[in-house]
Amino acid sequence: MEPMRILLVDDYLLFRKGLKALLDAQQEFEVVGEAENGLEALEQAQKLMPDLILMDITMPVCDGLEATRRILANMPYVKIVILTVAEDDQSLFDAIKSGAYGYLLKKLDPDELFELLRGVSSGEAPISRYMARKIMHEFAQLVVDEPAEPNVRQLTEREHEVLQLLAQGLSNKAIAGQLAVAENTVKNHLKNILAKLHLENRVQAAVYAVQQGLVAKTQEKQ
């Protein structure tokens, strides 16, 4: 399997070089280019055609959010993951509105970063668990008075468990460890969940779980 081709976008040279060394040491990743601002990111993205862009937010000339919007307007297939120190809600939701595929904090442990980036290949949105909780909380506040269709009744007991853990921000690998099953088994359960609930991705599934109160039920048992 060919390595994931990554473009690094950050205005701190030392950080870029350190991250490049970490990623290039992993067989699954290859850093194909770097940029120090949003305009350079757009140029490099069009030239290098990367699979994934790791994008900082605060940069001179053109910030990461504006760069994300511009790049996706021309290259909608590319996945852009925000990698930043910003933990505030506004930055998180502005990034999501800009079309970012994921949102990670720079204080992540390298092994956790690698695991989250590996999940991109299988369709997982890389979001730090701390930030995932923020997203779930925000969506919980937006739940309308009318309940959703009771499609959740179509799920098996194990699918319920997978959906609950997914809504807590766990990756497929973490869910597999929690339930003592293979990671491929979790992936198959997730496919069934999406099909039964007529949803397109794991983020929609997590939001649905919040709307149905499944997250609250899980937390009450703990």
N, C-alpha and C. Protein backbone atom coordinates (compact mmCIF):
# COMPACT_ATOMS: atom_id res chain seq x y z
N MET A 1 0.84 -1.19 0.00
CA MET A 1 0.00 0.00 0.00
C MET A 1 0.88 1.25 0.00
N GLU A 2 0.60 2.19 -0.89
CA GLU A 2 1.41 3.39 -0.99
C GLU A 2 1.20 4.28 0.23
N PRO A 3 2.25 4.98 0.67
CA PRO A 3 2.11 5.85 1.84
C PRO A 3 1.19 7.03 1.56
N MET A 4 0.58 7.55 2.60
CA MET A 4 -0.27 8.73 2.49
C MET A 4 0.62 9.95 2.25
N ARG A 5 0.35 10.69 1.20
CA ARG A 5 1.16 11.84 0.82
C ARG A 5 0.63 13.07 1.56
N ILE A 6 1.50 13.70 2.35
CA ILE A 6 1.07 14.76 3.26
C ILE A 6 1.77 16.08 2.94
N LEU A 7 1.00 17.17 3.00
CA LEU A 7 1.53 18.53 2.89
C LEU A 7 1.41 19.19 4.26
N LEU A 8 2.52 19.72 4.76
CA LEU A 8 2.54 20.39 6.06
C LEU A 8 2.45 21.90 5.86
N VAL A 9 1.52 22.53 6.59
CA VAL A 9 1.34 23.98 6.47
C VAL A 9 1.40 24.60 7.87
N ASP A 10 2.49 25.33 8.15
CA ASP A 10 2.68 25.95 9.45
C ASP A 10 3.76 27.02 9.29
N ASP A 11 3.61 28.15 9.97
CA ASP A 11 4.57 29.23 9.80
C ASP A 11 5.81 29.07 10.67
N TYR A 12 5.85 28.04 11.52
CA TYR A 12 7.04 27.79 12.33
C TYR A 12 7.89 26.70 11.70
N LEU A 13 9.04 27.09 11.17
CA LEU A 13 9.92 26.16 10.46
C LEU A 13 10.35 25.00 11.35
N LEU A 14 10.71 25.30 12.59
CA LEU A 14 11.19 24.25 13.50
C LEU A 14 10.11 23.21 13.75
N PHE A 15 8.87 23.66 13.90
CA PHE A 15 7.77 22.71 14.11
C PHE A 15 7.57 21.84 12.88
N ARG A 16 7.61 22.45 11.69
CA ARG A 16 7.42 21.69 10.45
C ARG A 16 8.49 20.62 10.31
N LYS A 17 9.72 21.00 10.55
CA LYS A 17 10.82 20.05 10.38
C LYS A 17 10.73 18.91 11.38
N GLY A 18 10.34 19.23 12.62
CA GLY A 18 10.19 18.19 13.62
C GLY A 18 9.08 17.23 13.28
N LEU A 19 7.93 17.78 12.84
CA LEU A 19 6.80 16.94 12.46
C LEU A 19 7.11 16.11 11.22
N LYS A 20 7.82 16.70 10.28
CA LYS A 20 8.21 15.98 9.06
C LYS A 20 9.07 14.76 9.42
N ALA A 21 10.01 14.95 10.33
CA ALA A 21 10.88 13.84 10.73
C ALA A 21 10.08 12.73 11.38
N LEU A 22 9.10 13.09 12.21
CA LEU A 22 8.26 12.09 12.88
C LEU A 22 7.42 11.31 11.88
N LEU A 23 6.81 12.02 10.93
CA LEU A 23 5.93 11.38 9.96
C LEU A 23 6.71 10.52 8.96
N ASP A 24 7.84 11.04 8.50
CA ASP A 24 8.63 10.29 7.51
C ASP A 24 9.22 9.01 8.11
N ALA A 25 9.31 8.95 9.43
CA ALA A 25 9.84 7.75 10.08
C ALA A 25 8.81 6.62 10.10
N GLN A 26 7.55 6.95 9.73
CA GLN A 26 6.49 5.95 9.67
C GLN A 26 6.28 5.52 8.21
N GLN A 27 6.19 4.24 7.97
CA GLN A 27 6.05 3.74 6.60
C GLN A 27 4.77 4.21 5.92
N GLU A 28 3.74 4.48 6.71
CA GLU A 28 2.44 4.83 6.12
C GLU A 28 2.37 6.26 5.62
N PHE A 29 3.35 7.11 6.00
CA PHE A 29 3.27 8.52 5.67
C PHE A 29 4.50 9.00 4.88
N GLU A 30 4.26 9.99 4.02
CA GLU A 30 5.35 10.62 3.29
C GLU A 30 5.04 12.11 3.16
N VAL A 31 5.87 12.95 3.75
CA VAL A 31 5.69 14.39 3.63
C VAL A 31 6.25 14.82 2.28
N VAL A 32 5.37 15.28 1.40
CA VAL A 32 5.77 15.62 0.03
C VAL A 32 6.04 17.11 -0.15
N GLY A 33 5.66 17.92 0.85
CA GLY A 33 5.88 19.36 0.71
C GLY A 33 5.56 20.12 1.97
N GLU A 34 5.97 21.38 1.99
CA GLU A 34 5.73 22.25 3.14
C GLU A 34 5.32 23.63 2.65
N ALA A 35 4.61 24.37 3.51
CA ALA A 35 4.22 25.75 3.21
C ALA A 35 4.16 26.51 4.52
N GLU A 36 4.47 27.81 4.48
CA GLU A 36 4.48 28.60 5.71
C GLU A 36 3.31 29.56 5.83
N ASN A 37 2.41 29.57 4.84
CA ASN A 37 1.19 30.36 4.94
C ASN A 37 0.14 29.79 3.99
N GLY A 38 -1.08 30.33 4.09
CA GLY A 38 -2.19 29.79 3.32
C GLY A 38 -2.02 29.89 1.81
N LEU A 39 -1.45 30.99 1.31
CA LEU A 39 -1.27 31.14 -0.13
C LEU A 39 -0.27 30.12 -0.66
N GLU A 40 0.82 29.91 0.08
CA GLU A 40 1.78 28.89 -0.33
C GLU A 40 1.14 27.51 -0.30
N ALA A 41 0.25 27.30 0.68
CA ALA A 41 -0.44 26.01 0.80
C ALA A 41 -1.27 25.74 -0.45
N LEU A 42 -1.98 26.77 -0.93
CA LEU A 42 -2.80 26.62 -2.13
C LEU A 42 -1.93 26.27 -3.33
N GLU A 43 -0.81 26.97 -3.47
CA GLU A 43 0.10 26.70 -4.59
C GLU A 43 0.68 25.29 -4.52
N GLN A 44 1.14 24.91 -3.33
CA GLN A 44 1.74 23.60 -3.15
C GLN A 44 0.72 22.47 -3.34
N ALA A 45 -0.50 22.70 -2.86
CA ALA A 45 -1.55 21.68 -2.99
C ALA A 45 -1.86 21.41 -4.46
N GLN A 46 -1.96 22.47 -5.27
CA GLN A 46 -2.25 22.31 -6.69
C GLN A 46 -1.08 21.67 -7.42
N LYS A 47 0.12 21.92 -6.96
CA LYS A 47 1.32 21.37 -7.61
C LYS A 47 1.57 19.92 -7.22
N LEU A 48 1.41 19.60 -5.92
CA LEU A 48 1.80 18.29 -5.40
C LEU A 48 0.65 17.28 -5.32
N MET A 49 -0.59 17.76 -5.32
CA MET A 49 -1.77 16.89 -5.23
C MET A 49 -1.66 15.92 -4.04
N PRO A 50 -1.54 16.42 -2.82
CA PRO A 50 -1.40 15.54 -1.66
C PRO A 50 -2.70 14.84 -1.31
N ASP A 51 -2.60 13.76 -0.54
CA ASP A 51 -3.79 13.08 -0.04
C ASP A 51 -4.35 13.80 1.17
N LEU A 52 -3.45 14.38 1.96
CA LEU A 52 -3.82 14.99 3.24
C LEU A 52 -3.00 16.26 3.46
N ILE A 53 -3.65 17.29 4.00
CA ILE A 53 -2.96 18.52 4.37
C ILE A 53 -3.14 18.75 5.86
N LEU A 54 -2.02 18.89 6.57
CA LEU A 54 -2.07 19.26 7.99
C LEU A 54 -1.89 20.77 8.06
N MET A 55 -2.92 21.47 8.51
CA MET A 55 -3.00 22.93 8.38
C MET A 55 -3.09 23.62 9.74
N ASP A 56 -2.18 24.57 9.97
CA ASP A 56 -2.28 25.42 11.15
C ASP A 56 -3.35 26.48 10.88
N ILE A 57 -3.83 27.15 11.93
CA ILE A 57 -4.84 28.19 11.74
C ILE A 57 -4.21 29.57 11.62
N THR A 58 -3.46 29.97 12.64
CA THR A 58 -2.90 31.32 12.68
C THR A 58 -1.59 31.40 11.92
N MET A 59 -1.65 32.06 10.74
CA MET A 59 -0.46 32.22 9.89
C MET A 59 -0.54 33.57 9.19
N PRO A 60 0.60 34.14 8.81
CA PRO A 60 0.59 35.42 8.09
C PRO A 60 0.11 35.26 6.65
N VAL A 61 -0.19 36.37 6.02
CA VAL A 61 -0.60 36.44 4.61
C VAL A 61 -2.00 35.88 4.39
N CYS A 62 -2.18 34.62 4.74
CA CYS A 62 -3.49 33.96 4.58
C CYS A 62 -3.60 32.88 5.65
N ASP A 63 -4.62 32.98 6.52
CA ASP A 63 -4.71 32.02 7.63
C ASP A 63 -5.21 30.65 7.15
N GLY A 64 -5.17 29.68 8.05
CA GLY A 64 -5.51 28.31 7.70
C GLY A 64 -6.95 28.09 7.31
N LEU A 65 -7.86 28.84 7.91
CA LEU A 65 -9.28 28.66 7.60
C LEU A 65 -9.59 29.16 6.19
N GLU A 66 -9.05 30.33 5.84
CA GLU A 66 -9.26 30.85 4.49
C GLU A 66 -8.59 29.94 3.46
N ALA A 67 -7.40 29.45 3.80
CA ALA A 67 -6.69 28.53 2.90
C ALA A 67 -7.49 27.25 2.70
N THR A 68 -8.10 26.77 3.76
CA THR A 68 -8.92 25.55 3.67
C THR A 68 -10.07 25.75 2.70
N ARG A 69 -10.74 26.88 2.82
CA ARG A 69 -11.87 27.17 1.91
C ARG A 69 -11.40 27.25 0.46
N ARG A 70 -10.29 27.93 0.24
CA ARG A 70 -9.80 28.10 -1.14
C ARG A 70 -9.34 26.78 -1.75
N ILE A 71 -8.64 26.00 -0.97
CA ILE A 71 -8.13 24.72 -1.48
C ILE A 71 -9.28 23.79 -1.83
N LEU A 72 -10.26 23.69 -0.92
CA LEU A 72 -11.39 22.77 -1.16
C LEU A 72 -12.27 23.22 -2.31
N ALA A 73 -12.28 24.52 -2.59
CA ALA A 73 -13.06 25.02 -3.72
C ALA A 73 -12.48 24.51 -5.03
N ASN A 74 -11.16 24.31 -5.06
CA ASN A 74 -10.48 23.83 -6.27
C ASN A 74 -10.19 22.34 -6.25
N MET A 75 -10.02 21.80 -5.04
CA MET A 75 -9.65 20.39 -4.89
C MET A 75 -10.53 19.75 -3.81
N PRO A 76 -11.79 19.54 -4.08
CA PRO A 76 -12.71 19.04 -3.06
C PRO A 76 -12.39 17.65 -2.53
N TYR A 77 -11.56 16.90 -3.26
CA TYR A 77 -11.24 15.53 -2.83
C TYR A 77 -10.23 15.50 -1.69
N VAL A 78 -9.38 16.54 -1.57
CA VAL A 78 -8.30 16.50 -0.60
C VAL A 78 -8.83 16.63 0.83
N LYS A 79 -8.22 15.93 1.74
CA LYS A 79 -8.63 15.99 3.14
C LYS A 79 -7.71 16.94 3.88
N ILE A 80 -8.30 17.94 4.53
CA ILE A 80 -7.54 18.93 5.29
C ILE A 80 -7.84 18.76 6.77
N VAL A 81 -6.80 18.54 7.54
CA VAL A 81 -6.93 18.37 8.99
C VAL A 81 -6.23 19.54 9.67
N ILE A 82 -6.97 20.25 10.49
CA ILE A 82 -6.40 21.36 11.25
C ILE A 82 -5.53 20.81 12.37
N LEU A 83 -4.31 21.33 12.47
CA LEU A 83 -3.38 20.94 13.54
C LEU A 83 -2.94 22.23 14.21
N THR A 84 -3.43 22.50 15.41
CA THR A 84 -3.29 23.82 16.01
C THR A 84 -3.15 23.74 17.54
N VAL A 85 -2.85 24.89 18.13
CA VAL A 85 -2.83 24.99 19.60
C VAL A 85 -4.17 25.51 20.11
N ALA A 86 -5.02 25.98 19.19
CA ALA A 86 -6.28 26.61 19.57
C ALA A 86 -7.31 25.58 20.06
N GLU A 87 -7.72 25.70 21.31
CA GLU A 87 -8.70 24.78 21.89
C GLU A 87 -10.07 25.42 22.06
N ASP A 88 -10.23 26.67 21.63
CA ASP A 88 -11.49 27.38 21.84
C ASP A 88 -12.57 26.88 20.89
N ASP A 89 -13.81 26.97 21.33
CA ASP A 89 -14.95 26.49 20.55
C ASP A 89 -15.04 27.19 19.19
N GLN A 90 -14.80 28.52 19.17
CA GLN A 90 -14.98 29.28 17.94
C GLN A 90 -14.07 28.78 16.84
N SER A 91 -12.79 28.54 17.17
CA SER A 91 -11.85 28.04 16.16
C SER A 91 -12.27 26.68 15.64
N LEU A 92 -12.74 25.82 16.56
CA LEU A 92 -13.19 24.49 16.19
C LEU A 92 -14.34 24.54 15.20
N PHE A 93 -15.38 25.32 15.53
CA PHE A 93 -16.56 25.34 14.67
C PHE A 93 -16.32 26.13 13.38
N ASP A 94 -15.45 27.13 13.43
CA ASP A 94 -15.09 27.84 12.20
C ASP A 94 -14.36 26.89 11.26
N ALA A 95 -13.52 26.03 11.82
CA ALA A 95 -12.78 25.07 11.00
C ALA A 95 -13.73 24.09 10.33
N ILE A 96 -14.71 23.60 11.08
CA ILE A 96 -15.69 22.67 10.53
C ILE A 96 -16.50 23.34 9.42
N LYS A 97 -16.90 24.60 9.65
CA LYS A 97 -17.65 25.33 8.64
C LYS A 97 -16.81 25.57 7.39
N SER A 98 -15.51 25.67 7.56
CA SER A 98 -14.62 25.89 6.42
C SER A 98 -14.43 24.63 5.59
N GLY A 99 -14.85 23.50 6.13
CA GLY A 99 -14.75 22.24 5.39
C GLY A 99 -13.64 21.33 5.87
N ALA A 100 -13.00 21.66 7.00
CA ALA A 100 -11.92 20.82 7.51
C ALA A 100 -12.43 19.42 7.82
N TYR A 101 -11.63 18.42 7.49
CA TYR A 101 -11.99 17.01 7.69
C TYR A 101 -11.77 16.57 9.12
N GLY A 102 -10.87 17.26 9.82
CA GLY A 102 -10.57 16.90 11.20
C GLY A 102 -9.96 18.06 11.94
N TYR A 103 -9.79 17.91 13.25
CA TYR A 103 -9.27 19.00 14.08
C TYR A 103 -8.45 18.38 15.20
N LEU A 104 -7.14 18.61 15.17
CA LEU A 104 -6.24 18.02 16.15
C LEU A 104 -5.44 19.11 16.86
N LEU A 105 -5.05 18.81 18.08
CA LEU A 105 -4.26 19.75 18.87
C LEU A 105 -2.79 19.36 18.83
N LYS A 106 -1.92 20.36 18.82
CA LYS A 106 -0.49 20.11 18.72
C LYS A 106 0.08 19.42 19.95
N LYS A 107 -0.64 19.42 21.03
CA LYS A 107 -0.14 18.78 22.25
C LYS A 107 -0.36 17.26 22.24
N LEU A 108 -0.87 16.73 21.12
CA LEU A 108 -1.08 15.29 21.00
C LEU A 108 0.24 14.52 21.14
N ASP A 109 0.15 13.34 21.73
CA ASP A 109 1.28 12.43 21.73
C ASP A 109 1.49 11.94 20.29
N PRO A 110 2.74 11.82 19.83
CA PRO A 110 2.99 11.38 18.44
C PRO A 110 2.28 10.10 18.06
N ASP A 111 2.27 9.10 18.95
CA ASP A 111 1.60 7.83 18.63
C ASP A 111 0.10 8.02 18.43
N GLU A 112 -0.48 8.92 19.22
CA GLU A 112 -1.92 9.20 19.06
C GLU A 112 -2.16 9.91 17.74
N LEU A 113 -1.27 10.82 17.38
CA LEU A 113 -1.39 11.51 16.09
C LEU A 113 -1.31 10.50 14.95
N PHE A 114 -0.36 9.59 15.00
CA PHE A 114 -0.22 8.59 13.94
C PHE A 114 -1.49 7.75 13.82
N GLU A 115 -2.03 7.33 14.95
CA GLU A 115 -3.24 6.49 14.93
C GLU A 115 -4.41 7.24 14.30
N LEU A 116 -4.57 8.51 14.66
CA LEU A 116 -5.68 9.29 14.12
C LEU A 116 -5.51 9.52 12.62
N LEU A 117 -4.29 9.74 12.18
CA LEU A 117 -4.05 9.96 10.74
C LEU A 117 -4.23 8.67 9.95
N ARG A 118 -3.87 7.54 10.55
CA ARG A 118 -4.09 6.25 9.86
C ARG A 118 -5.58 6.03 9.62
N GLY A 119 -6.40 6.51 10.53
CA GLY A 119 -7.84 6.33 10.40
C GLY A 119 -8.43 7.06 9.21
N VAL A 120 -7.72 8.08 8.69
CA VAL A 120 -8.21 8.83 7.53
C VAL A 120 -8.40 7.91 6.34
N SER A 121 -7.50 6.95 6.17
CA SER A 121 -7.58 6.03 5.02
C SER A 121 -8.85 5.19 5.05
N SER A 122 -9.37 4.92 6.25
CA SER A 122 -10.59 4.12 6.37
C SER A 122 -11.82 4.97 6.61
N GLY A 123 -11.69 6.28 6.38
CA GLY A 123 -12.85 7.16 6.46
C GLY A 123 -13.13 7.76 7.82
N GLU A 124 -12.22 7.58 8.76
CA GLU A 124 -12.42 8.16 10.08
C GLU A 124 -12.00 9.62 10.09
N ALA A 125 -12.81 10.47 10.71
CA ALA A 125 -12.46 11.88 10.83
C ALA A 125 -11.57 12.06 12.05
N PRO A 126 -10.31 12.51 11.85
CA PRO A 126 -9.39 12.64 12.98
C PRO A 126 -9.70 13.86 13.84
N ILE A 127 -10.30 13.62 14.98
CA ILE A 127 -10.64 14.70 15.91
C ILE A 127 -10.21 14.26 17.30
N SER A 128 -9.46 15.10 17.99
CA SER A 128 -9.05 14.78 19.35
C SER A 128 -10.28 14.54 20.21
N ARG A 129 -10.21 13.59 21.14
CA ARG A 129 -11.37 13.26 21.95
C ARG A 129 -11.91 14.47 22.70
N TYR A 130 -11.01 15.32 23.17
CA TYR A 130 -11.41 16.53 23.88
C TYR A 130 -12.26 17.42 22.98
N MET A 131 -11.83 17.58 21.72
CA MET A 131 -12.58 18.42 20.79
C MET A 131 -13.85 17.73 20.33
N ALA A 132 -13.84 16.40 20.25
CA ALA A 132 -15.04 15.66 19.85
C ALA A 132 -16.15 15.88 20.88
N ARG A 133 -15.79 15.92 22.15
CA ARG A 133 -16.79 16.17 23.19
C ARG A 133 -17.42 17.55 23.02
N LYS A 134 -16.61 18.52 22.61
CA LYS A 134 -17.13 19.86 22.37
C LYS A 134 -18.16 19.85 21.24
N ILE A 135 -17.84 19.10 20.17
CA ILE A 135 -18.76 19.01 19.04
C ILE A 135 -20.07 18.36 19.47
N MET A 136 -19.96 17.25 20.20
CA MET A 136 -21.16 16.55 20.64
C MET A 136 -22.01 17.42 21.56
N HIS A 137 -21.35 18.17 22.43
CA HIS A 137 -22.08 19.05 23.33
C HIS A 137 -22.83 20.13 22.55
N GLU A 138 -22.15 20.68 21.54
CA GLU A 138 -22.78 21.72 20.73
C GLU A 138 -24.00 21.19 19.99
N PHE A 139 -23.86 20.01 19.38
CA PHE A 139 -25.00 19.43 18.67
C PHE A 139 -26.14 19.08 19.62
N ALA A 140 -25.78 18.68 20.82
CA ALA A 140 -26.81 18.33 21.81
C ALA A 140 -27.67 19.55 22.13
N GLN A 141 -27.07 20.74 22.09
CA GLN A 141 -27.80 21.97 22.37
C GLN A 141 -28.75 22.34 21.22
N LEU A 142 -28.48 21.75 20.05
CA LEU A 142 -29.26 22.09 18.86
C LEU A 142 -30.37 21.09 18.57
N VAL A 143 -30.56 20.11 19.44
CA VAL A 143 -31.57 19.10 19.22
C VAL A 143 -32.96 19.74 19.22
N VAL A 144 -33.73 19.45 18.19
CA VAL A 144 -35.07 20.02 18.08
C VAL A 144 -36.03 19.28 18.97
N ASP A 145 -37.21 19.90 19.21
CA ASP A 145 -38.19 19.30 20.11
C ASP A 145 -38.76 18.01 19.56
N GLU A 146 -38.94 17.95 18.22
CA GLU A 146 -39.51 16.75 17.63
C GLU A 146 -38.48 15.64 17.61
N PRO A 147 -38.81 14.46 18.15
CA PRO A 147 -37.84 13.37 18.18
C PRO A 147 -37.57 12.83 16.78
N ALA A 148 -36.40 12.30 16.58
CA ALA A 148 -36.06 11.70 15.29
C ALA A 148 -36.83 10.39 15.11
N GLU A 149 -36.88 9.93 13.87
CA GLU A 149 -37.55 8.67 13.59
C GLU A 149 -36.89 7.56 14.41
N PRO A 150 -37.69 6.64 14.95
CA PRO A 150 -37.13 5.61 15.84
C PRO A 150 -36.37 4.50 15.10
N ASN A 151 -35.54 4.89 14.12
CA ASN A 151 -34.74 3.90 13.38
C ASN A 151 -33.75 3.18 14.28
N VAL A 152 -33.42 3.81 15.42
CA VAL A 152 -32.43 3.23 16.32
C VAL A 152 -32.89 1.86 16.82
N ARG A 153 -34.17 1.60 16.78
CA ARG A 153 -34.71 0.31 17.22
C ARG A 153 -34.28 -0.82 16.29
N GLN A 154 -33.86 -0.47 15.10
CA GLN A 154 -33.44 -1.49 14.14
C GLN A 154 -32.04 -2.04 14.46
N LEU A 155 -31.32 -1.35 15.32
CA LEU A 155 -29.96 -1.75 15.63
C LEU A 155 -29.93 -2.92 16.61
N THR A 156 -28.92 -3.76 16.44
CA THR A 156 -28.73 -4.85 17.39
C THR A 156 -28.11 -4.28 18.68
N GLU A 157 -28.06 -5.10 19.71
CA GLU A 157 -27.47 -4.65 20.98
C GLU A 157 -26.01 -4.25 20.80
N ARG A 158 -25.26 -5.02 20.04
CA ARG A 158 -23.86 -4.70 19.81
C ARG A 158 -23.71 -3.42 18.99
N GLU A 159 -24.60 -3.22 18.03
CA GLU A 159 -24.55 -1.99 17.23
C GLU A 159 -24.86 -0.78 18.10
N HIS A 160 -25.75 -0.95 19.07
CA HIS A 160 -26.02 0.11 20.05
C HIS A 160 -24.75 0.47 20.79
N GLU A 161 -24.01 -0.53 21.22
CA GLU A 161 -22.78 -0.31 21.97
C GLU A 161 -21.75 0.43 21.13
N VAL A 162 -21.62 0.00 19.87
CA VAL A 162 -20.67 0.65 18.97
C VAL A 162 -21.05 2.11 18.76
N LEU A 163 -22.33 2.37 18.56
CA LEU A 163 -22.81 3.74 18.33
C LEU A 163 -22.58 4.62 19.56
N GLN A 164 -22.80 4.08 20.73
CA GLN A 164 -22.58 4.83 21.96
C GLN A 164 -21.12 5.22 22.12
N LEU A 165 -20.23 4.27 21.87
CA LEU A 165 -18.80 4.53 22.01
C LEU A 165 -18.31 5.49 20.93
N LEU A 166 -18.86 5.37 19.73
CA LEU A 166 -18.53 6.27 18.64
C LEU A 166 -18.86 7.71 19.01
N ALA A 167 -20.02 7.90 19.64
CA ALA A 167 -20.48 9.23 20.02
C ALA A 167 -19.64 9.84 21.13
N GLN A 168 -18.87 9.01 21.82
CA GLN A 168 -17.98 9.51 22.86
C GLN A 168 -16.63 9.94 22.29
N GLY A 169 -16.46 9.78 20.97
CA GLY A 169 -15.24 10.21 20.31
C GLY A 169 -14.19 9.14 20.15
N LEU A 170 -14.55 7.88 20.40
CA LEU A 170 -13.56 6.80 20.29
C LEU A 170 -13.32 6.42 18.82
N SER A 171 -12.09 6.07 18.51
CA SER A 171 -11.75 5.59 17.17
C SER A 171 -12.19 4.13 17.04
N ASN A 172 -12.15 3.60 15.82
CA ASN A 172 -12.50 2.19 15.62
C ASN A 172 -11.61 1.28 16.45
N LYS A 173 -10.33 1.61 16.50
CA LYS A 173 -9.39 0.79 17.26
C LYS A 173 -9.72 0.81 18.75
N ALA A 174 -10.05 1.98 19.27
CA ALA A 174 -10.39 2.11 20.69
C ALA A 174 -11.69 1.37 21.00
N ILE A 175 -12.67 1.45 20.09
CA ILE A 175 -13.94 0.74 20.28
C ILE A 175 -13.69 -0.76 20.30
N ALA A 176 -12.84 -1.22 19.39
CA ALA A 176 -12.51 -2.65 19.33
C ALA A 176 -11.90 -3.11 20.64
N GLY A 177 -11.00 -2.30 21.20
CA GLY A 177 -10.38 -2.65 22.47
C GLY A 177 -11.38 -2.68 23.61
N GLN A 178 -12.31 -1.74 23.60
CA GLN A 178 -13.32 -1.66 24.65
C GLN A 178 -14.26 -2.86 24.61
N LEU A 179 -14.59 -3.31 23.40
CA LEU A 179 -15.56 -4.40 23.25
C LEU A 179 -14.88 -5.76 23.07
N ALA A 180 -13.55 -5.75 23.04
CA ALA A 180 -12.77 -6.99 22.89
C ALA A 180 -13.14 -7.73 21.59
N VAL A 181 -13.16 -6.97 20.49
CA VAL A 181 -13.42 -7.55 19.17
C VAL A 181 -12.36 -7.03 18.20
N ALA A 182 -12.34 -7.57 17.00
CA ALA A 182 -11.39 -7.13 15.98
C ALA A 182 -11.82 -5.77 15.43
N GLU A 183 -10.83 -4.98 14.98
CA GLU A 183 -11.14 -3.66 14.44
C GLU A 183 -12.01 -3.78 13.19
N ASN A 184 -11.78 -4.81 12.37
CA ASN A 184 -12.62 -5.00 11.18
C ASN A 184 -14.07 -5.28 11.55
N THR A 185 -14.26 -5.94 12.68
CA THR A 185 -15.63 -6.20 13.16
C THR A 185 -16.32 -4.88 13.47
N VAL A 186 -15.59 -3.95 14.10
CA VAL A 186 -16.16 -2.64 14.40
C VAL A 186 -16.52 -1.92 13.10
N LYS A 187 -15.64 -2.00 12.11
CA LYS A 187 -15.90 -1.35 10.83
C LYS A 187 -17.17 -1.90 10.18
N ASN A 188 -17.36 -3.22 10.28
CA ASN A 188 -18.56 -3.83 9.70
C ASN A 188 -19.81 -3.41 10.45
N HIS A 189 -19.69 -3.32 11.79
CA HIS A 189 -20.83 -2.84 12.58
C HIS A 189 -21.19 -1.42 12.18
N LEU A 190 -20.15 -0.59 11.98
CA LEU A 190 -20.40 0.80 11.61
C LEU A 190 -21.09 0.90 10.25
N LYS A 191 -20.68 0.06 9.31
CA LYS A 191 -21.33 0.04 8.00
C LYS A 191 -22.81 -0.30 8.15
N ASN A 192 -23.11 -1.28 8.98
CA ASN A 192 -24.50 -1.67 9.21
C ASN A 192 -25.30 -0.55 9.87
N ILE A 193 -24.66 0.12 10.82
CA ILE A 193 -25.32 1.23 11.51
C ILE A 193 -25.68 2.34 10.53
N LEU A 194 -24.73 2.72 9.69
CA LEU A 194 -24.97 3.79 8.71
C LEU A 194 -26.07 3.39 7.73
N ALA A 195 -26.05 2.13 7.31
CA ALA A 195 -27.06 1.67 6.35
C ALA A 195 -28.46 1.67 6.98
N LYS A 196 -28.55 1.16 8.21
CA LYS A 196 -29.85 1.08 8.88
C LYS A 196 -30.43 2.45 9.22
N LEU A 197 -29.56 3.40 9.54
CA LEU A 197 -30.01 4.72 9.95
C LEU A 197 -30.03 5.71 8.79
N HIS A 198 -29.65 5.24 7.61
CA HIS A 198 -29.62 6.08 6.40
C HIS A 198 -28.73 7.30 6.61
N LEU A 199 -27.54 7.07 7.14
CA LEU A 199 -26.59 8.13 7.39
C LEU A 199 -25.36 7.93 6.49
N GLU A 200 -24.58 8.99 6.31
CA GLU A 200 -23.47 8.93 5.36
C GLU A 200 -22.11 8.70 6.01
N ASN A 201 -21.92 9.14 7.25
CA ASN A 201 -20.60 9.01 7.86
C ASN A 201 -20.71 8.93 9.38
N ARG A 202 -19.56 8.72 10.04
CA ARG A 202 -19.53 8.51 11.48
C ARG A 202 -19.89 9.78 12.27
N VAL A 203 -19.61 10.96 11.69
CA VAL A 203 -19.99 12.19 12.37
C VAL A 203 -21.51 12.30 12.48
N GLN A 204 -22.20 12.00 11.37
CA GLN A 204 -23.66 12.02 11.39
C GLN A 204 -24.19 10.99 12.38
N ALA A 205 -23.53 9.84 12.44
CA ALA A 205 -23.95 8.79 13.38
C ALA A 205 -23.79 9.25 14.81
N ALA A 206 -22.69 9.95 15.10
CA ALA A 206 -22.45 10.44 16.45
C ALA A 206 -23.49 11.48 16.85
N VAL A 207 -23.82 12.36 15.91
CA VAL A 207 -24.84 13.38 16.18
C VAL A 207 -26.19 12.71 16.43
N TYR A 208 -26.51 11.70 15.63
CA TYR A 208 -27.76 10.97 15.81
C TYR A 208 -27.82 10.35 17.19
N ALA A 209 -26.69 9.80 17.64
CA ALA A 209 -26.64 9.16 18.97
C ALA A 209 -26.93 10.18 20.07
N VAL A 210 -26.40 11.39 19.90
CA VAL A 210 -26.66 12.45 20.88
C VAL A 210 -28.14 12.81 20.89
N GLN A 211 -28.71 12.93 19.70
CA GLN A 211 -30.13 13.28 19.59
C GLN A 211 -31.03 12.23 20.25
N GLN A 212 -30.59 10.98 20.18
CA GLN A 212 -31.37 9.89 20.76
C GLN A 212 -31.09 9.70 22.25
N GLY A 213 -30.17 10.47 22.80
CA GLY A 213 -29.86 10.37 24.22
C GLY A 213 -28.97 9.19 24.57
N LEU A 214 -28.35 8.55 23.57
CA LEU A 214 -27.54 7.36 23.85
C LEU A 214 -26.27 7.69 24.61
N VAL A 215 -25.71 8.86 24.38
CA VAL A 215 -24.48 9.25 25.07
C VAL A 215 -24.76 9.45 26.56
N ALA A 216 -25.85 10.13 26.84
CA ALA A 216 -26.21 10.37 28.23
C ALA A 216 -26.44 9.06 28.97
N LYS A 217 -27.07 8.09 28.28
CA LYS A 217 -27.33 6.79 28.90
C LYS A 217 -26.03 6.07 29.23
N THR A 218 -25.07 6.19 28.32
CA THR A 218 -23.78 5.54 28.55
C THR A 218 -23.08 6.14 29.75
N GLN A 219 -23.09 7.47 29.85
CA GLN A 219 -22.40 8.15 30.92
C GLN A 219 -23.04 7.86 32.27
N GLU A 220 -24.34 7.66 32.31
CA GLU A 220 -25.02 7.37 33.56
C GLU A 220 -24.62 6.02 34.11
N LYS A 221 -24.27 5.06 33.20
CA LYS A 221 -23.89 3.73 33.64
C LYS A 221 -22.48 3.70 34.20
N GLN A 222 -21.63 4.70 33.81
CA GLN A 222 -20.24 4.68 34.21
C GLN A 222 -20.06 5.25 35.61
